Amino acid sequence: MKFAFISDFDGTLTEKDFYKIITDEYLKEECAQMYIDWKKKKIKDVDYLGYVFGNIRRSEEQIYEDIMKIKLDPFAVEFIKNINDNGGDFIVVSAGTGYYIDKVFKNNHIENVKVYTNKGVFKDNGIHFLLDENSEFYSEIYGIDKMKVVNKLKGEYDKIFYAGDSQPDVKAALLADVVFAKGELIEFLKEEGKEYIEFNNFKDIWEKVKIMITGEM
């Protein structure tokens, strides 16, 4: 069986979203109202995150230090190895940016992970999205449409596992064969009538996935 495990990055593979690290540290008051408007859908995800990342107002070296504050799930590295060792592919889909994801993976010596995300560059003391409107995965709301990514990958694998924690994951999760959920994604999936397995960390997930791919208890 050819299978892929697809995971969101911020808040799923990591303990805390990078935008929350930045806002909590530097932009709490400045972004307070904007955050409320974003949650009410008055502001697009890509515009809110774009503002947060673009207004860090720190040097490239200082932002690197902020990125190093991103902590992966304690079992993430082992989980990715387990997936690869059992013939699967571990894939990340993120509405954040590869600017920090790539650095986190490099710092944790994680290789052979395909990442579908928004391109980002350092400029004017911030991280700025470089969105490709001609991309087959482009989304006006998120920069990247996770559903389009999963839909394409479904044609390449016999089984798709998906893990996520928030609204951008909903439509992608609906296409997956097996969904692992936490956070607000749980309520969204309940509304959609989609089966899911709740998890706290990737150790929980591996205990389930191991049985599904190897039959081992």
N, C-alpha and C. Protein backbone atom coordinates (compact mmCIF):
# COMPACT_ATOMS: atom_id res chain seq x y z
N MET A 1 0.84 -1.21 0.00
CA MET A 1 0.00 0.00 0.00
C MET A 1 0.88 1.26 0.00
N LYS A 2 0.67 2.09 -0.97
CA LYS A 2 1.41 3.35 -1.03
C LYS A 2 0.61 4.40 -0.25
N PHE A 3 1.24 4.96 0.78
CA PHE A 3 0.48 5.91 1.60
C PHE A 3 1.29 7.17 1.91
N ALA A 4 0.56 8.21 2.23
CA ALA A 4 1.18 9.48 2.62
C ALA A 4 0.53 9.97 3.90
N PHE A 5 1.34 10.52 4.78
CA PHE A 5 0.82 11.19 5.96
C PHE A 5 1.03 12.68 5.74
N ILE A 6 -0.07 13.41 5.63
CA ILE A 6 -0.02 14.85 5.38
C ILE A 6 -0.35 15.59 6.67
N SER A 7 0.49 16.55 7.02
CA SER A 7 0.27 17.29 8.26
C SER A 7 0.36 18.79 8.04
N ASP A 8 -0.50 19.49 8.73
CA ASP A 8 -0.37 20.93 8.90
C ASP A 8 0.90 21.17 9.71
N PHE A 9 1.44 22.39 9.67
CA PHE A 9 2.66 22.69 10.43
C PHE A 9 2.35 23.39 11.75
N ASP A 10 1.93 24.65 11.67
CA ASP A 10 1.73 25.45 12.88
C ASP A 10 0.59 24.92 13.75
N GLY A 11 0.90 24.62 15.00
CA GLY A 11 -0.12 24.18 15.94
C GLY A 11 -0.47 22.72 15.84
N THR A 12 0.05 22.06 14.81
CA THR A 12 -0.18 20.62 14.64
C THR A 12 1.14 19.88 14.82
N LEU A 13 2.07 20.15 13.92
CA LEU A 13 3.41 19.57 14.05
C LEU A 13 4.23 20.34 15.08
N THR A 14 3.80 21.57 15.36
CA THR A 14 4.49 22.38 16.37
C THR A 14 3.57 22.61 17.57
N GLU A 15 4.18 23.02 18.68
CA GLU A 15 3.40 23.24 19.89
C GLU A 15 2.66 24.57 19.88
N LYS A 16 3.17 25.55 19.11
CA LYS A 16 2.55 26.87 19.07
C LYS A 16 2.76 27.48 17.69
N ASP A 17 1.71 28.12 17.17
CA ASP A 17 1.81 28.78 15.87
C ASP A 17 2.88 29.87 15.91
N PHE A 18 3.62 30.01 14.81
CA PHE A 18 4.65 31.04 14.76
C PHE A 18 4.05 32.44 14.86
N TYR A 19 2.88 32.64 14.24
CA TYR A 19 2.28 33.98 14.31
C TYR A 19 1.93 34.34 15.76
N LYS A 20 1.58 33.32 16.57
CA LYS A 20 1.27 33.58 17.98
C LYS A 20 2.53 33.92 18.76
N ILE A 21 3.63 33.27 18.41
CA ILE A 21 4.91 33.60 19.05
C ILE A 21 5.25 35.06 18.80
N ILE A 22 5.06 35.50 17.56
CA ILE A 22 5.39 36.89 17.18
C ILE A 22 4.43 37.88 17.82
N THR A 23 3.13 37.63 17.73
CA THR A 23 2.17 38.59 18.29
C THR A 23 2.30 38.67 19.80
N ASP A 24 2.47 37.55 20.46
CA ASP A 24 2.61 37.56 21.92
C ASP A 24 3.84 38.34 22.36
N GLU A 25 4.89 38.27 21.56
CA GLU A 25 6.16 38.90 21.92
C GLU A 25 6.21 40.38 21.55
N TYR A 26 5.67 40.73 20.37
CA TYR A 26 5.90 42.08 19.85
C TYR A 26 4.65 42.86 19.44
N LEU A 27 3.55 42.18 19.15
CA LEU A 27 2.43 42.87 18.50
C LEU A 27 1.09 42.66 19.20
N LYS A 28 1.12 42.30 20.46
CA LYS A 28 -0.13 41.94 21.17
C LYS A 28 -1.16 43.06 21.11
N GLU A 29 -0.79 44.26 21.50
CA GLU A 29 -1.74 45.38 21.49
C GLU A 29 -2.04 45.84 20.08
N GLU A 30 -1.00 45.91 19.26
CA GLU A 30 -1.15 46.41 17.90
C GLU A 30 -2.11 45.56 17.07
N CYS A 31 -2.08 44.26 17.29
CA CYS A 31 -2.89 43.34 16.48
C CYS A 31 -4.16 42.86 17.17
N ALA A 32 -4.46 43.40 18.34
CA ALA A 32 -5.61 42.91 19.11
C ALA A 32 -6.92 43.01 18.33
N GLN A 33 -7.22 44.19 17.80
CA GLN A 33 -8.47 44.37 17.06
C GLN A 33 -8.43 43.64 15.72
N MET A 34 -7.27 43.67 15.09
CA MET A 34 -7.12 42.98 13.81
C MET A 34 -7.35 41.48 13.97
N TYR A 35 -6.91 40.93 15.09
CA TYR A 35 -7.11 39.51 15.37
C TYR A 35 -8.60 39.20 15.48
N ILE A 36 -9.33 40.06 16.17
CA ILE A 36 -10.78 39.87 16.31
C ILE A 36 -11.46 39.92 14.95
N ASP A 37 -11.07 40.90 14.14
CA ASP A 37 -11.64 41.03 12.79
C ASP A 37 -11.30 39.82 11.93
N TRP A 38 -10.11 39.30 12.09
CA TRP A 38 -9.68 38.12 11.33
C TRP A 38 -10.55 36.92 11.71
N LYS A 39 -10.76 36.71 12.99
CA LYS A 39 -11.57 35.58 13.43
C LYS A 39 -13.03 35.72 13.01
N LYS A 40 -13.46 36.96 12.77
CA LYS A 40 -14.83 37.20 12.29
C LYS A 40 -14.90 37.17 10.77
N LYS A 41 -13.78 36.82 10.13
CA LYS A 41 -13.69 36.71 8.68
C LYS A 41 -13.79 38.05 7.96
N LYS A 42 -13.50 39.13 8.67
CA LYS A 42 -13.48 40.44 8.04
C LYS A 42 -12.13 40.68 7.35
N ILE A 43 -11.15 39.89 7.74
CA ILE A 43 -9.80 39.98 7.18
C ILE A 43 -9.38 38.58 6.72
N LYS A 44 -8.79 38.49 5.54
CA LYS A 44 -8.32 37.21 5.03
C LYS A 44 -7.13 36.72 5.85
N ASP A 45 -7.00 35.41 5.90
CA ASP A 45 -5.86 34.81 6.61
C ASP A 45 -4.53 35.35 6.10
N VAL A 46 -4.40 35.40 4.78
CA VAL A 46 -3.13 35.81 4.20
C VAL A 46 -2.82 37.27 4.51
N ASP A 47 -3.86 38.08 4.71
CA ASP A 47 -3.65 39.50 5.04
C ASP A 47 -3.27 39.66 6.51
N TYR A 48 -3.92 38.90 7.38
CA TYR A 48 -3.59 38.99 8.81
C TYR A 48 -2.18 38.46 9.06
N LEU A 49 -1.90 37.26 8.57
CA LEU A 49 -0.57 36.69 8.76
C LEU A 49 0.49 37.53 8.07
N GLY A 50 0.12 38.07 6.90
CA GLY A 50 1.05 38.92 6.17
C GLY A 50 1.42 40.15 6.97
N TYR A 51 0.43 40.71 7.67
CA TYR A 51 0.71 41.89 8.51
C TYR A 51 1.61 41.52 9.68
N VAL A 52 1.27 40.43 10.35
CA VAL A 52 2.07 40.00 11.52
C VAL A 52 3.51 39.73 11.11
N PHE A 53 3.69 38.91 10.09
CA PHE A 53 5.05 38.55 9.67
C PHE A 53 5.81 39.75 9.11
N GLY A 54 5.09 40.64 8.43
CA GLY A 54 5.75 41.78 7.81
C GLY A 54 6.11 42.89 8.77
N ASN A 55 5.55 42.84 9.98
CA ASN A 55 5.78 43.91 10.96
C ASN A 55 6.50 43.43 12.22
N ILE A 56 7.34 42.43 12.07
CA ILE A 56 8.13 41.95 13.21
C ILE A 56 9.11 43.03 13.66
N ARG A 57 9.63 43.76 12.66
CA ARG A 57 10.53 44.90 12.92
C ARG A 57 11.80 44.48 13.65
N ARG A 58 12.39 43.39 13.18
CA ARG A 58 13.65 42.91 13.74
C ARG A 58 14.57 42.49 12.59
N SER A 59 15.84 42.42 12.88
CA SER A 59 16.81 42.05 11.85
C SER A 59 16.64 40.59 11.46
N GLU A 60 17.28 40.20 10.37
CA GLU A 60 17.18 38.82 9.92
C GLU A 60 17.74 37.86 10.97
N GLU A 61 18.82 38.26 11.63
CA GLU A 61 19.41 37.43 12.67
C GLU A 61 18.47 37.31 13.88
N GLN A 62 17.82 38.41 14.23
CA GLN A 62 16.89 38.39 15.36
C GLN A 62 15.65 37.55 15.05
N ILE A 63 15.17 37.65 13.81
CA ILE A 63 14.02 36.84 13.41
C ILE A 63 14.38 35.36 13.41
N TYR A 64 15.61 35.05 13.05
CA TYR A 64 16.06 33.66 13.12
C TYR A 64 15.97 33.16 14.56
N GLU A 65 16.34 34.01 15.51
CA GLU A 65 16.24 33.64 16.92
C GLU A 65 14.78 33.38 17.30
N ASP A 66 13.86 34.19 16.75
CA ASP A 66 12.43 33.98 17.00
C ASP A 66 11.97 32.64 16.42
N ILE A 67 12.44 32.34 15.21
CA ILE A 67 12.08 31.08 14.56
C ILE A 67 12.55 29.89 15.38
N MET A 68 13.70 30.03 16.01
CA MET A 68 14.24 28.94 16.82
C MET A 68 13.43 28.70 18.10
N LYS A 69 12.48 29.61 18.38
CA LYS A 69 11.58 29.41 19.52
C LYS A 69 10.46 28.43 19.17
N ILE A 70 10.30 28.14 17.88
CA ILE A 70 9.27 27.19 17.45
C ILE A 70 9.66 25.79 17.92
N LYS A 71 8.83 25.20 18.73
CA LYS A 71 9.10 23.85 19.24
C LYS A 71 8.22 22.83 18.53
N LEU A 72 8.86 21.83 17.96
CA LEU A 72 8.11 20.75 17.34
C LEU A 72 7.45 19.89 18.41
N ASP A 73 6.38 19.20 18.02
CA ASP A 73 5.80 18.17 18.86
C ASP A 73 6.95 17.25 19.31
N PRO A 74 7.00 16.87 20.60
CA PRO A 74 8.12 16.06 21.11
C PRO A 74 8.35 14.76 20.35
N PHE A 75 7.31 14.26 19.69
CA PHE A 75 7.42 12.98 18.99
C PHE A 75 7.47 13.14 17.47
N ALA A 76 7.56 14.39 16.99
CA ALA A 76 7.49 14.65 15.55
C ALA A 76 8.63 13.99 14.77
N VAL A 77 9.85 14.17 15.24
CA VAL A 77 11.01 13.63 14.51
C VAL A 77 10.92 12.11 14.42
N GLU A 78 10.60 11.48 15.54
CA GLU A 78 10.47 10.01 15.56
C GLU A 78 9.32 9.56 14.66
N PHE A 79 8.22 10.32 14.67
CA PHE A 79 7.05 9.97 13.87
C PHE A 79 7.39 9.99 12.38
N ILE A 80 8.06 11.05 11.95
CA ILE A 80 8.43 11.18 10.54
C ILE A 80 9.32 10.01 10.12
N LYS A 81 10.27 9.64 10.98
CA LYS A 81 11.15 8.50 10.69
C LYS A 81 10.34 7.21 10.59
N ASN A 82 9.38 7.04 11.49
CA ASN A 82 8.54 5.84 11.46
C ASN A 82 7.76 5.73 10.16
N ILE A 83 7.21 6.86 9.71
CA ILE A 83 6.46 6.87 8.45
C ILE A 83 7.37 6.47 7.30
N ASN A 84 8.55 7.08 7.24
CA ASN A 84 9.49 6.77 6.16
C ASN A 84 9.98 5.33 6.22
N ASP A 85 10.26 4.84 7.43
CA ASP A 85 10.75 3.47 7.60
C ASP A 85 9.72 2.43 7.17
N ASN A 86 8.45 2.83 7.20
CA ASN A 86 7.38 1.90 6.81
C ASN A 86 6.90 2.14 5.38
N GLY A 87 7.73 2.85 4.61
CA GLY A 87 7.44 3.01 3.19
C GLY A 87 6.51 4.14 2.83
N GLY A 88 6.18 4.98 3.80
CA GLY A 88 5.28 6.10 3.52
C GLY A 88 6.03 7.40 3.28
N ASP A 89 5.30 8.39 2.82
CA ASP A 89 5.85 9.73 2.63
C ASP A 89 5.21 10.67 3.64
N PHE A 90 6.03 11.47 4.30
CA PHE A 90 5.52 12.49 5.21
C PHE A 90 5.54 13.81 4.47
N ILE A 91 4.40 14.48 4.44
CA ILE A 91 4.23 15.71 3.65
C ILE A 91 3.62 16.79 4.52
N VAL A 92 4.10 18.01 4.37
CA VAL A 92 3.56 19.14 5.13
C VAL A 92 2.81 20.07 4.18
N VAL A 93 1.62 20.50 4.61
CA VAL A 93 0.89 21.56 3.91
C VAL A 93 0.65 22.67 4.92
N SER A 94 1.03 23.88 4.56
CA SER A 94 0.96 24.98 5.52
C SER A 94 0.58 26.29 4.84
N ALA A 95 -0.30 27.03 5.50
CA ALA A 95 -0.66 28.36 5.03
C ALA A 95 0.26 29.42 5.63
N GLY A 96 1.33 28.95 6.29
CA GLY A 96 2.36 29.86 6.78
C GLY A 96 3.35 30.12 5.66
N THR A 97 4.63 29.98 5.94
CA THR A 97 5.63 30.17 4.89
C THR A 97 6.84 29.28 5.11
N GLY A 98 7.41 28.86 4.01
CA GLY A 98 8.60 28.04 4.06
C GLY A 98 9.80 28.76 4.66
N TYR A 99 9.70 30.10 4.75
CA TYR A 99 10.82 30.86 5.30
C TYR A 99 11.21 30.34 6.69
N TYR A 100 10.20 30.07 7.51
CA TYR A 100 10.53 29.56 8.85
C TYR A 100 10.44 28.04 8.94
N ILE A 101 9.57 27.43 8.16
CA ILE A 101 9.43 25.97 8.21
C ILE A 101 10.75 25.29 7.83
N ASP A 102 11.36 25.76 6.75
CA ASP A 102 12.62 25.17 6.30
C ASP A 102 13.71 25.27 7.37
N LYS A 103 13.74 26.40 8.06
CA LYS A 103 14.77 26.61 9.10
C LYS A 103 14.53 25.70 10.30
N VAL A 104 13.27 25.51 10.66
CA VAL A 104 12.95 24.61 11.78
C VAL A 104 13.33 23.18 11.43
N PHE A 105 13.02 22.75 10.22
CA PHE A 105 13.37 21.39 9.80
C PHE A 105 14.89 21.20 9.77
N LYS A 106 15.58 22.19 9.25
CA LYS A 106 17.05 22.08 9.19
C LYS A 106 17.64 22.00 10.59
N ASN A 107 17.12 22.81 11.50
CA ASN A 107 17.63 22.81 12.88
C ASN A 107 17.38 21.49 13.59
N ASN A 108 16.30 20.80 13.17
CA ASN A 108 15.96 19.51 13.78
C ASN A 108 16.44 18.32 12.94
N HIS A 109 17.26 18.61 11.93
CA HIS A 109 17.85 17.57 11.07
C HIS A 109 16.78 16.71 10.41
N ILE A 110 15.70 17.36 9.98
CA ILE A 110 14.62 16.66 9.29
C ILE A 110 14.80 16.84 7.79
N GLU A 111 14.89 15.71 7.08
CA GLU A 111 15.07 15.74 5.64
C GLU A 111 14.00 14.88 4.98
N ASN A 112 13.97 14.94 3.66
CA ASN A 112 13.05 14.11 2.87
C ASN A 112 11.59 14.35 3.21
N VAL A 113 11.25 15.60 3.52
CA VAL A 113 9.85 15.97 3.74
C VAL A 113 9.45 16.99 2.68
N LYS A 114 8.46 16.65 1.88
CA LYS A 114 7.94 17.58 0.88
C LYS A 114 7.06 18.60 1.59
N VAL A 115 7.30 19.88 1.30
CA VAL A 115 6.53 20.94 1.95
C VAL A 115 5.79 21.77 0.91
N TYR A 116 4.48 21.82 1.04
CA TYR A 116 3.65 22.69 0.21
C TYR A 116 3.25 23.89 1.06
N THR A 117 3.73 25.06 0.73
CA THR A 117 3.44 26.24 1.54
C THR A 117 3.65 27.50 0.73
N ASN A 118 3.46 28.64 1.37
CA ASN A 118 3.69 29.92 0.72
C ASN A 118 5.16 30.29 0.78
N LYS A 119 5.65 30.89 -0.29
CA LYS A 119 7.02 31.36 -0.28
C LYS A 119 7.10 32.64 0.53
N GLY A 120 8.19 32.81 1.27
CA GLY A 120 8.38 34.02 2.06
C GLY A 120 9.82 34.48 1.97
N VAL A 121 10.03 35.79 2.06
CA VAL A 121 11.38 36.35 2.02
C VAL A 121 11.54 37.38 3.13
N PHE A 122 12.78 37.57 3.57
CA PHE A 122 13.07 38.63 4.54
C PHE A 122 13.24 39.94 3.78
N LYS A 123 12.53 40.97 4.26
CA LYS A 123 12.63 42.29 3.65
C LYS A 123 12.11 43.32 4.64
N ASP A 124 12.78 44.45 4.74
CA ASP A 124 12.33 45.55 5.60
C ASP A 124 12.03 45.09 7.03
N ASN A 125 12.94 44.31 7.59
CA ASN A 125 12.81 43.83 8.97
C ASN A 125 11.55 43.02 9.23
N GLY A 126 11.15 42.26 8.24
CA GLY A 126 9.99 41.38 8.40
C GLY A 126 10.04 40.25 7.39
N ILE A 127 9.06 39.35 7.47
CA ILE A 127 8.93 38.26 6.51
C ILE A 127 7.73 38.58 5.61
N HIS A 128 7.95 38.55 4.31
CA HIS A 128 6.89 38.94 3.37
C HIS A 128 6.54 37.79 2.45
N PHE A 129 5.23 37.56 2.28
CA PHE A 129 4.75 36.53 1.37
C PHE A 129 5.08 36.89 -0.07
N LEU A 130 5.47 35.90 -0.85
CA LEU A 130 5.58 36.03 -2.30
C LEU A 130 4.60 35.02 -2.89
N LEU A 131 3.39 35.47 -3.14
CA LEU A 131 2.34 34.56 -3.59
C LEU A 131 2.31 34.46 -5.11
N ASP A 132 2.13 33.24 -5.59
CA ASP A 132 2.07 32.98 -7.02
C ASP A 132 0.62 32.72 -7.42
N GLU A 133 -0.02 33.73 -7.99
CA GLU A 133 -1.43 33.60 -8.35
C GLU A 133 -1.64 32.60 -9.49
N ASN A 134 -0.56 32.23 -10.17
CA ASN A 134 -0.67 31.27 -11.26
C ASN A 134 -0.43 29.83 -10.80
N SER A 135 -0.13 29.66 -9.51
CA SER A 135 0.10 28.32 -8.99
C SER A 135 -1.19 27.50 -9.03
N GLU A 136 -1.05 26.21 -9.29
CA GLU A 136 -2.23 25.34 -9.32
C GLU A 136 -2.86 25.20 -7.93
N PHE A 137 -2.12 25.60 -6.90
CA PHE A 137 -2.62 25.48 -5.53
C PHE A 137 -2.99 26.83 -4.91
N TYR A 138 -3.02 27.88 -5.72
CA TYR A 138 -3.24 29.23 -5.19
C TYR A 138 -4.62 29.39 -4.54
N SER A 139 -4.62 30.10 -3.41
CA SER A 139 -5.86 30.47 -2.73
C SER A 139 -5.82 31.95 -2.42
N GLU A 140 -6.88 32.65 -2.74
CA GLU A 140 -6.96 34.08 -2.46
C GLU A 140 -7.03 34.33 -0.95
N ILE A 141 -7.56 33.37 -0.21
CA ILE A 141 -7.74 33.54 1.24
C ILE A 141 -6.49 33.12 2.01
N TYR A 142 -5.92 31.97 1.66
CA TYR A 142 -4.81 31.41 2.44
C TYR A 142 -3.45 31.47 1.75
N GLY A 143 -3.43 31.89 0.50
CA GLY A 143 -2.19 31.86 -0.27
C GLY A 143 -2.01 30.51 -0.94
N ILE A 144 -2.22 29.45 -0.18
CA ILE A 144 -2.19 28.09 -0.70
C ILE A 144 -3.47 27.37 -0.28
N ASP A 145 -4.04 26.63 -1.21
CA ASP A 145 -5.28 25.89 -0.95
C ASP A 145 -4.91 24.44 -0.60
N LYS A 146 -5.03 24.10 0.66
CA LYS A 146 -4.65 22.76 1.11
C LYS A 146 -5.50 21.68 0.45
N MET A 147 -6.76 21.99 0.18
CA MET A 147 -7.64 21.02 -0.46
C MET A 147 -7.12 20.64 -1.84
N LYS A 148 -6.64 21.64 -2.59
CA LYS A 148 -6.12 21.37 -3.93
C LYS A 148 -4.88 20.49 -3.87
N VAL A 149 -4.05 20.71 -2.85
CA VAL A 149 -2.85 19.88 -2.67
C VAL A 149 -3.24 18.44 -2.39
N VAL A 150 -4.14 18.25 -1.43
CA VAL A 150 -4.55 16.89 -1.05
C VAL A 150 -5.25 16.21 -2.22
N ASN A 151 -6.06 16.95 -2.94
CA ASN A 151 -6.78 16.38 -4.08
C ASN A 151 -5.81 15.83 -5.12
N LYS A 152 -4.73 16.55 -5.36
CA LYS A 152 -3.72 16.07 -6.31
C LYS A 152 -3.00 14.84 -5.76
N LEU A 153 -2.65 14.88 -4.48
CA LEU A 153 -1.91 13.77 -3.88
C LEU A 153 -2.75 12.50 -3.79
N LYS A 154 -4.06 12.65 -3.73
CA LYS A 154 -4.94 11.47 -3.67
C LYS A 154 -4.77 10.60 -4.91
N GLY A 155 -4.38 11.22 -6.00
CA GLY A 155 -4.17 10.47 -7.23
C GLY A 155 -2.85 9.73 -7.26
N GLU A 156 -1.99 10.01 -6.28
CA GLU A 156 -0.65 9.41 -6.26
C GLU A 156 -0.49 8.35 -5.17
N TYR A 157 -1.46 8.27 -4.26
CA TYR A 157 -1.35 7.33 -3.13
C TYR A 157 -2.62 6.51 -2.97
N ASP A 158 -2.45 5.33 -2.38
CA ASP A 158 -3.60 4.47 -2.09
C ASP A 158 -4.35 4.94 -0.85
N LYS A 159 -3.62 5.55 0.10
CA LYS A 159 -4.25 5.98 1.35
C LYS A 159 -3.62 7.29 1.80
N ILE A 160 -4.49 8.21 2.21
CA ILE A 160 -4.05 9.52 2.70
C ILE A 160 -4.47 9.69 4.15
N PHE A 161 -3.47 9.92 5.02
CA PHE A 161 -3.73 10.32 6.40
C PHE A 161 -3.55 11.83 6.48
N TYR A 162 -4.32 12.48 7.34
CA TYR A 162 -4.20 13.94 7.47
C TYR A 162 -4.30 14.34 8.94
N ALA A 163 -3.46 15.29 9.33
CA ALA A 163 -3.52 15.83 10.69
C ALA A 163 -3.57 17.35 10.64
N GLY A 164 -4.51 17.93 11.41
CA GLY A 164 -4.63 19.38 11.43
C GLY A 164 -5.29 19.88 12.70
N ASP A 165 -5.38 21.22 12.79
CA ASP A 165 -5.92 21.79 14.03
C ASP A 165 -6.82 23.01 13.83
N SER A 166 -6.98 23.48 12.57
CA SER A 166 -7.73 24.73 12.41
C SER A 166 -8.52 24.77 11.11
N GLN A 167 -9.22 25.86 10.89
CA GLN A 167 -10.15 25.96 9.76
C GLN A 167 -9.51 25.75 8.38
N PRO A 168 -8.30 26.25 8.13
CA PRO A 168 -7.71 26.01 6.81
C PRO A 168 -7.53 24.53 6.48
N ASP A 169 -7.64 23.67 7.49
CA ASP A 169 -7.46 22.23 7.29
C ASP A 169 -8.76 21.51 6.93
N VAL A 170 -9.89 22.18 7.08
CA VAL A 170 -11.18 21.49 6.98
C VAL A 170 -11.38 20.79 5.63
N LYS A 171 -11.32 21.55 4.54
CA LYS A 171 -11.63 20.96 3.23
C LYS A 171 -10.61 19.91 2.83
N ALA A 172 -9.36 20.12 3.24
CA ALA A 172 -8.34 19.11 2.96
C ALA A 172 -8.63 17.84 3.74
N ALA A 173 -9.02 18.00 4.99
CA ALA A 173 -9.32 16.85 5.84
C ALA A 173 -10.49 16.04 5.30
N LEU A 174 -11.46 16.72 4.72
CA LEU A 174 -12.63 16.03 4.19
C LEU A 174 -12.27 15.08 3.06
N LEU A 175 -11.16 15.33 2.39
CA LEU A 175 -10.73 14.47 1.29
C LEU A 175 -9.88 13.29 1.75
N ALA A 176 -9.38 13.35 2.98
CA ALA A 176 -8.47 12.31 3.47
C ALA A 176 -9.22 11.04 3.87
N ASP A 177 -8.50 9.93 3.83
CA ASP A 177 -9.08 8.65 4.24
C ASP A 177 -9.19 8.55 5.75
N VAL A 178 -8.16 9.04 6.44
CA VAL A 178 -8.14 9.02 7.91
C VAL A 178 -7.68 10.38 8.39
N VAL A 179 -8.45 10.96 9.32
CA VAL A 179 -8.13 12.31 9.81
C VAL A 179 -7.84 12.28 11.31
N PHE A 180 -6.75 12.95 11.68
CA PHE A 180 -6.41 13.17 13.08
C PHE A 180 -6.60 14.66 13.35
N ALA A 181 -7.35 14.98 14.40
CA ALA A 181 -7.71 16.37 14.63
C ALA A 181 -7.52 16.80 16.08
N LYS A 182 -7.22 18.07 16.24
CA LYS A 182 -7.23 18.69 17.56
C LYS A 182 -7.63 20.15 17.38
N GLY A 183 -7.79 20.85 18.50
CA GLY A 183 -8.14 22.27 18.41
C GLY A 183 -9.50 22.50 17.76
N GLU A 184 -9.62 23.64 17.10
CA GLU A 184 -10.92 24.02 16.52
C GLU A 184 -11.31 23.15 15.33
N LEU A 185 -10.37 22.42 14.76
CA LEU A 185 -10.71 21.54 13.64
C LEU A 185 -11.74 20.50 14.05
N ILE A 186 -11.70 20.08 15.30
CA ILE A 186 -12.64 19.07 15.79
C ILE A 186 -14.09 19.52 15.60
N GLU A 187 -14.39 20.73 16.00
CA GLU A 187 -15.76 21.24 15.88
C GLU A 187 -16.18 21.37 14.42
N PHE A 188 -15.25 21.84 13.59
CA PHE A 188 -15.57 21.98 12.17
C PHE A 188 -15.88 20.63 11.54
N LEU A 189 -15.13 19.60 11.91
CA LEU A 189 -15.37 18.27 11.35
C LEU A 189 -16.67 17.67 11.86
N LYS A 190 -17.01 17.98 13.12
CA LYS A 190 -18.31 17.54 13.65
C LYS A 190 -19.44 18.13 12.82
N GLU A 191 -19.31 19.41 12.49
CA GLU A 191 -20.34 20.09 11.69
C GLU A 191 -20.46 19.45 10.31
N GLU A 192 -19.34 18.97 9.78
CA GLU A 192 -19.33 18.38 8.44
C GLU A 192 -19.69 16.89 8.46
N GLY A 193 -19.79 16.32 9.66
CA GLY A 193 -20.10 14.90 9.76
C GLY A 193 -18.96 14.00 9.34
N LYS A 194 -17.74 14.52 9.42
CA LYS A 194 -16.56 13.76 9.02
C LYS A 194 -15.96 13.04 10.23
N GLU A 195 -15.70 11.77 10.07
CA GLU A 195 -15.07 11.01 11.15
C GLU A 195 -13.64 11.49 11.37
N TYR A 196 -13.21 11.49 12.61
CA TYR A 196 -11.85 11.92 12.93
C TYR A 196 -11.39 11.20 14.20
N ILE A 197 -10.09 11.23 14.40
CA ILE A 197 -9.50 10.68 15.62
C ILE A 197 -8.83 11.84 16.34
N GLU A 198 -9.25 12.10 17.56
CA GLU A 198 -8.66 13.21 18.32
C GLU A 198 -7.27 12.80 18.82
N PHE A 199 -6.35 13.78 18.84
CA PHE A 199 -5.00 13.48 19.32
C PHE A 199 -4.44 14.62 20.14
N ASN A 200 -3.49 14.28 20.99
CA ASN A 200 -2.77 15.29 21.77
C ASN A 200 -1.37 15.51 21.21
N ASN A 201 -0.76 14.42 20.74
CA ASN A 201 0.59 14.52 20.19
C ASN A 201 0.80 13.42 19.16
N PHE A 202 1.97 13.44 18.53
CA PHE A 202 2.22 12.48 17.45
C PHE A 202 2.51 11.07 17.95
N LYS A 203 2.74 10.92 19.23
CA LYS A 203 2.84 9.57 19.79
C LYS A 203 1.46 8.91 19.73
N ASP A 204 0.42 9.69 20.07
CA ASP A 204 -0.96 9.20 19.97
C ASP A 204 -1.26 8.75 18.54
N ILE A 205 -0.86 9.60 17.59
CA ILE A 205 -1.15 9.31 16.18
C ILE A 205 -0.44 8.04 15.73
N TRP A 206 0.83 7.89 16.11
CA TRP A 206 1.58 6.72 15.65
C TRP A 206 0.96 5.42 16.15
N GLU A 207 0.46 5.41 17.37
CA GLU A 207 -0.17 4.20 17.91
C GLU A 207 -1.32 3.75 17.02
N LYS A 208 -2.05 4.70 16.44
CA LYS A 208 -3.17 4.37 15.55
C LYS A 208 -2.68 4.02 14.15
N VAL A 209 -1.79 4.85 13.62
CA VAL A 209 -1.31 4.65 12.25
C VAL A 209 -0.56 3.33 12.11
N LYS A 210 0.22 2.99 13.13
CA LYS A 210 1.01 1.75 13.10
C LYS A 210 0.11 0.54 12.85
N ILE A 211 -1.02 0.52 13.53
CA ILE A 211 -1.96 -0.59 13.37
C ILE A 211 -2.55 -0.60 11.96
N MET A 212 -2.86 0.59 11.45
CA MET A 212 -3.49 0.69 10.13
C MET A 212 -2.56 0.29 8.99
N ILE A 213 -1.26 0.52 9.15
CA ILE A 213 -0.34 0.23 8.05
C ILE A 213 0.42 -1.09 8.20
N THR A 214 0.48 -1.60 9.43
CA THR A 214 1.23 -2.85 9.64
C THR A 214 0.39 -3.96 10.25
N GLY A 215 -0.73 -3.57 10.86
CA GLY A 215 -1.56 -4.56 11.52
C GLY A 215 -1.05 -4.96 12.89
N GLU A 216 0.06 -4.29 13.32
CA GLU A 216 0.64 -4.62 14.62
C GLU A 216 -0.09 -3.90 15.74
N MET A 217 -0.37 -4.62 16.81
CA MET A 217 -1.00 -4.01 17.98
C MET A 217 0.08 -3.45 18.90
